[in-house]
Amino acid sequence: MNYPAKSRYQNPDVVRSYDEKRFSSLKGRIVANREQGAVLHAFSSLEPGSRILDAPVGTGRFTKLFLEKGFSVVGG
């Protein structure tokens, strides 16, 4: 399946500018904090080393969080 957006997120400059633009406003930071809290809550019962699937990976902004919690991350 041809999905052009997937290849755009592989460019570090595109990823950085997207995240900076999306989360630079107060509203964007509030949304990001809520999303992060929800994700942490959803995975709170998993043990470190658990394998999780991050799909869609998007810009990968949750990957670092998952790795810091000791999860084995697979992105799709």
N, C-alpha and C. Protein backbone atom coordinates (compact mmCIF):
# COMPACT_ATOMS: atom_id res chain seq x y z
N MET A 1 0.85 -1.17 0.00
CA MET A 1 0.00 0.00 0.00
C MET A 1 0.89 1.24 0.00
N ASN A 2 0.62 2.15 -0.86
CA ASN A 2 1.40 3.38 -0.96
C ASN A 2 0.84 4.41 0.02
N TYR A 3 1.65 4.79 0.99
CA TYR A 3 1.22 5.75 2.01
C TYR A 3 2.29 6.83 2.10
N PRO A 4 2.16 7.92 1.32
CA PRO A 4 3.22 8.93 1.23
C PRO A 4 3.57 9.60 2.56
N ALA A 5 2.62 9.77 3.46
CA ALA A 5 2.91 10.45 4.72
C ALA A 5 3.94 9.68 5.53
N LYS A 6 3.92 8.36 5.43
CA LYS A 6 4.87 7.53 6.18
C LYS A 6 6.31 7.92 5.85
N SER A 7 6.61 8.14 4.59
CA SER A 7 7.97 8.50 4.22
C SER A 7 8.34 9.91 4.68
N ARG A 8 7.37 10.81 4.81
CA ARG A 8 7.65 12.17 5.29
C ARG A 8 8.15 12.16 6.72
N TYR A 9 7.62 11.29 7.55
CA TYR A 9 8.01 11.25 8.96
C TYR A 9 9.40 10.65 9.16
N GLN A 10 9.99 10.11 8.13
CA GLN A 10 11.34 9.57 8.25
C GLN A 10 12.39 10.67 8.09
N ASN A 11 11.98 11.86 7.70
CA ASN A 11 12.89 12.99 7.57
C ASN A 11 12.93 13.74 8.91
N PRO A 12 14.07 13.76 9.60
CA PRO A 12 14.15 14.40 10.92
C PRO A 12 13.72 15.87 10.93
N ASP A 13 13.98 16.59 9.85
CA ASP A 13 13.59 18.00 9.79
C ASP A 13 12.07 18.15 9.76
N VAL A 14 11.40 17.28 9.03
CA VAL A 14 9.94 17.31 8.96
C VAL A 14 9.35 16.98 10.33
N VAL A 15 9.89 15.96 10.97
CA VAL A 15 9.40 15.55 12.30
C VAL A 15 9.57 16.69 13.30
N ARG A 16 10.74 17.28 13.34
CA ARG A 16 11.03 18.35 14.29
C ARG A 16 10.11 19.54 14.06
N SER A 17 9.95 19.94 12.81
CA SER A 17 9.12 21.12 12.54
C SER A 17 7.65 20.83 12.83
N TYR A 18 7.20 19.60 12.56
CA TYR A 18 5.81 19.24 12.85
C TYR A 18 5.54 19.31 14.35
N ASP A 19 6.39 18.65 15.14
CA ASP A 19 6.20 18.64 16.59
C ASP A 19 6.33 20.05 17.18
N GLU A 20 7.31 20.83 16.70
CA GLU A 20 7.47 22.19 17.21
C GLU A 20 6.24 23.04 16.91
N LYS A 21 5.72 22.93 15.71
CA LYS A 21 4.54 23.70 15.32
C LYS A 21 3.31 23.25 16.11
N ARG A 22 3.12 21.96 16.23
CA ARG A 22 1.93 21.43 16.88
C ARG A 22 1.91 21.73 18.38
N PHE A 23 3.06 21.69 19.03
CA PHE A 23 3.09 21.78 20.49
C PHE A 23 3.68 23.10 21.00
N SER A 24 3.82 24.08 20.15
CA SER A 24 4.40 25.35 20.59
C SER A 24 3.39 26.26 21.30
N SER A 25 2.12 26.08 21.02
CA SER A 25 1.10 26.92 21.67
C SER A 25 0.74 26.34 23.03
N LEU A 26 0.13 27.15 23.86
CA LEU A 26 -0.33 26.68 25.18
C LEU A 26 -1.31 25.53 25.00
N LYS A 27 -2.25 25.68 24.09
CA LYS A 27 -3.23 24.62 23.84
C LYS A 27 -2.53 23.33 23.41
N GLY A 28 -1.55 23.44 22.54
CA GLY A 28 -0.80 22.27 22.08
C GLY A 28 -0.06 21.58 23.21
N ARG A 29 0.53 22.35 24.11
CA ARG A 29 1.24 21.76 25.25
C ARG A 29 0.27 21.09 26.21
N ILE A 30 -0.90 21.69 26.42
CA ILE A 30 -1.91 21.09 27.29
C ILE A 30 -2.37 19.75 26.72
N VAL A 31 -2.65 19.75 25.42
CA VAL A 31 -3.08 18.51 24.76
C VAL A 31 -1.98 17.45 24.87
N ALA A 32 -0.73 17.83 24.61
CA ALA A 32 0.38 16.89 24.70
C ALA A 32 0.52 16.31 26.10
N ASN A 33 0.38 17.14 27.13
CA ASN A 33 0.47 16.65 28.50
C ASN A 33 -0.67 15.69 28.83
N ARG A 34 -1.86 15.99 28.35
CA ARG A 34 -3.00 15.10 28.59
C ARG A 34 -2.80 13.77 27.87
N GLU A 35 -2.34 13.84 26.63
CA GLU A 35 -2.09 12.61 25.87
C GLU A 35 -1.03 11.76 26.57
N GLN A 36 0.05 12.40 27.01
CA GLN A 36 1.11 11.66 27.68
C GLN A 36 0.58 11.01 28.96
N GLY A 37 -0.22 11.74 29.72
CA GLY A 37 -0.80 11.18 30.94
C GLY A 37 -1.69 9.99 30.65
N ALA A 38 -2.50 10.10 29.60
CA ALA A 38 -3.39 9.00 29.23
C ALA A 38 -2.60 7.76 28.79
N VAL A 39 -1.54 7.99 28.03
CA VAL A 39 -0.71 6.88 27.57
C VAL A 39 -0.02 6.21 28.76
N LEU A 40 0.55 7.01 29.65
CA LEU A 40 1.20 6.43 30.84
C LEU A 40 0.21 5.64 31.67
N HIS A 41 -0.99 6.15 31.83
CA HIS A 41 -2.01 5.43 32.59
C HIS A 41 -2.37 4.11 31.91
N ALA A 42 -2.53 4.15 30.60
CA ALA A 42 -2.90 2.95 29.85
C ALA A 42 -1.86 1.84 29.99
N PHE A 43 -0.60 2.20 30.10
CA PHE A 43 0.47 1.22 30.17
C PHE A 43 0.99 0.99 31.60
N SER A 44 0.35 1.59 32.57
CA SER A 44 0.86 1.54 33.95
C SER A 44 0.88 0.15 34.56
N SER A 45 0.06 -0.75 34.07
CA SER A 45 0.03 -2.10 34.65
C SER A 45 1.04 -3.04 34.01
N LEU A 46 1.74 -2.58 32.98
CA LEU A 46 2.73 -3.43 32.31
C LEU A 46 4.07 -3.39 33.03
N GLU A 47 4.72 -4.50 33.03
CA GLU A 47 6.05 -4.61 33.64
C GLU A 47 7.11 -4.09 32.67
N PRO A 48 8.21 -3.54 33.21
CA PRO A 48 9.33 -3.19 32.32
C PRO A 48 9.74 -4.43 31.54
N GLY A 49 10.11 -4.22 30.29
CA GLY A 49 10.47 -5.33 29.42
C GLY A 49 9.30 -5.82 28.58
N SER A 50 8.09 -5.39 28.93
CA SER A 50 6.93 -5.77 28.13
C SER A 50 7.09 -5.22 26.72
N ARG A 51 6.65 -5.99 25.77
CA ARG A 51 6.73 -5.56 24.38
C ARG A 51 5.41 -4.88 24.01
N ILE A 52 5.52 -3.68 23.47
CA ILE A 52 4.32 -2.96 23.06
C ILE A 52 4.45 -2.54 21.60
N LEU A 53 3.29 -2.39 20.97
CA LEU A 53 3.24 -1.94 19.58
C LEU A 53 2.77 -0.50 19.57
N ASP A 54 3.58 0.36 19.00
CA ASP A 54 3.22 1.77 18.83
C ASP A 54 2.78 1.93 17.38
N ALA A 55 1.47 1.92 17.16
CA ALA A 55 0.94 2.04 15.81
C ALA A 55 -0.27 2.96 15.82
N PRO A 56 -0.28 4.01 15.10
CA PRO A 56 0.77 4.45 14.21
C PRO A 56 1.85 5.21 14.98
N VAL A 57 3.05 5.04 14.59
CA VAL A 57 4.19 5.66 15.25
C VAL A 57 4.21 7.17 15.06
N GLY A 58 3.77 7.64 13.90
CA GLY A 58 3.78 9.08 13.64
C GLY A 58 5.18 9.63 13.72
N THR A 59 5.37 10.67 14.51
CA THR A 59 6.70 11.27 14.64
C THR A 59 7.56 10.57 15.69
N GLY A 60 7.00 9.60 16.37
CA GLY A 60 7.76 8.85 17.37
C GLY A 60 7.86 9.53 18.72
N ARG A 61 6.98 10.48 18.99
CA ARG A 61 7.11 11.24 20.23
C ARG A 61 6.86 10.42 21.48
N PHE A 62 6.18 9.28 21.37
CA PHE A 62 5.98 8.43 22.54
C PHE A 62 7.06 7.37 22.69
N THR A 63 7.84 7.14 21.66
CA THR A 63 8.87 6.10 21.71
C THR A 63 9.84 6.33 22.85
N LYS A 64 10.33 7.55 23.01
CA LYS A 64 11.28 7.84 24.10
C LYS A 64 10.63 7.56 25.45
N LEU A 65 9.38 7.96 25.61
CA LEU A 65 8.66 7.71 26.86
C LEU A 65 8.56 6.22 27.14
N PHE A 66 8.20 5.44 26.12
CA PHE A 66 8.09 3.99 26.29
C PHE A 66 9.43 3.37 26.67
N LEU A 67 10.49 3.82 26.01
CA LEU A 67 11.82 3.28 26.31
C LEU A 67 12.27 3.65 27.72
N GLU A 68 11.95 4.87 28.15
CA GLU A 68 12.30 5.29 29.51
C GLU A 68 11.59 4.43 30.55
N LYS A 69 10.41 3.93 30.23
CA LYS A 69 9.66 3.06 31.14
C LYS A 69 10.12 1.61 31.06
N GLY A 70 11.09 1.35 30.18
CA GLY A 70 11.67 0.02 30.09
C GLY A 70 10.92 -0.95 29.18
N PHE A 71 10.05 -0.43 28.33
CA PHE A 71 9.33 -1.29 27.41
C PHE A 71 10.17 -1.60 26.18
N SER A 72 9.87 -2.71 25.58
CA SER A 72 10.43 -3.07 24.28
C SER A 72 9.41 -2.58 23.26
N VAL A 73 9.82 -1.64 22.40
CA VAL A 73 8.89 -0.95 21.52
C VAL A 73 9.05 -1.44 20.09
N VAL A 74 7.91 -1.76 19.48
CA VAL A 74 7.85 -2.08 18.06
C VAL A 74 6.95 -1.04 17.42
N GLY A 75 7.43 -0.41 16.36
CA GLY A 75 6.63 0.62 15.69
C GLY A 75 6.16 0.15 14.33
N GLY A 76 4.97 0.59 13.98
CA GLY A 76 4.42 0.18 12.70
C GLY A 76 3.99 1.32 11.86
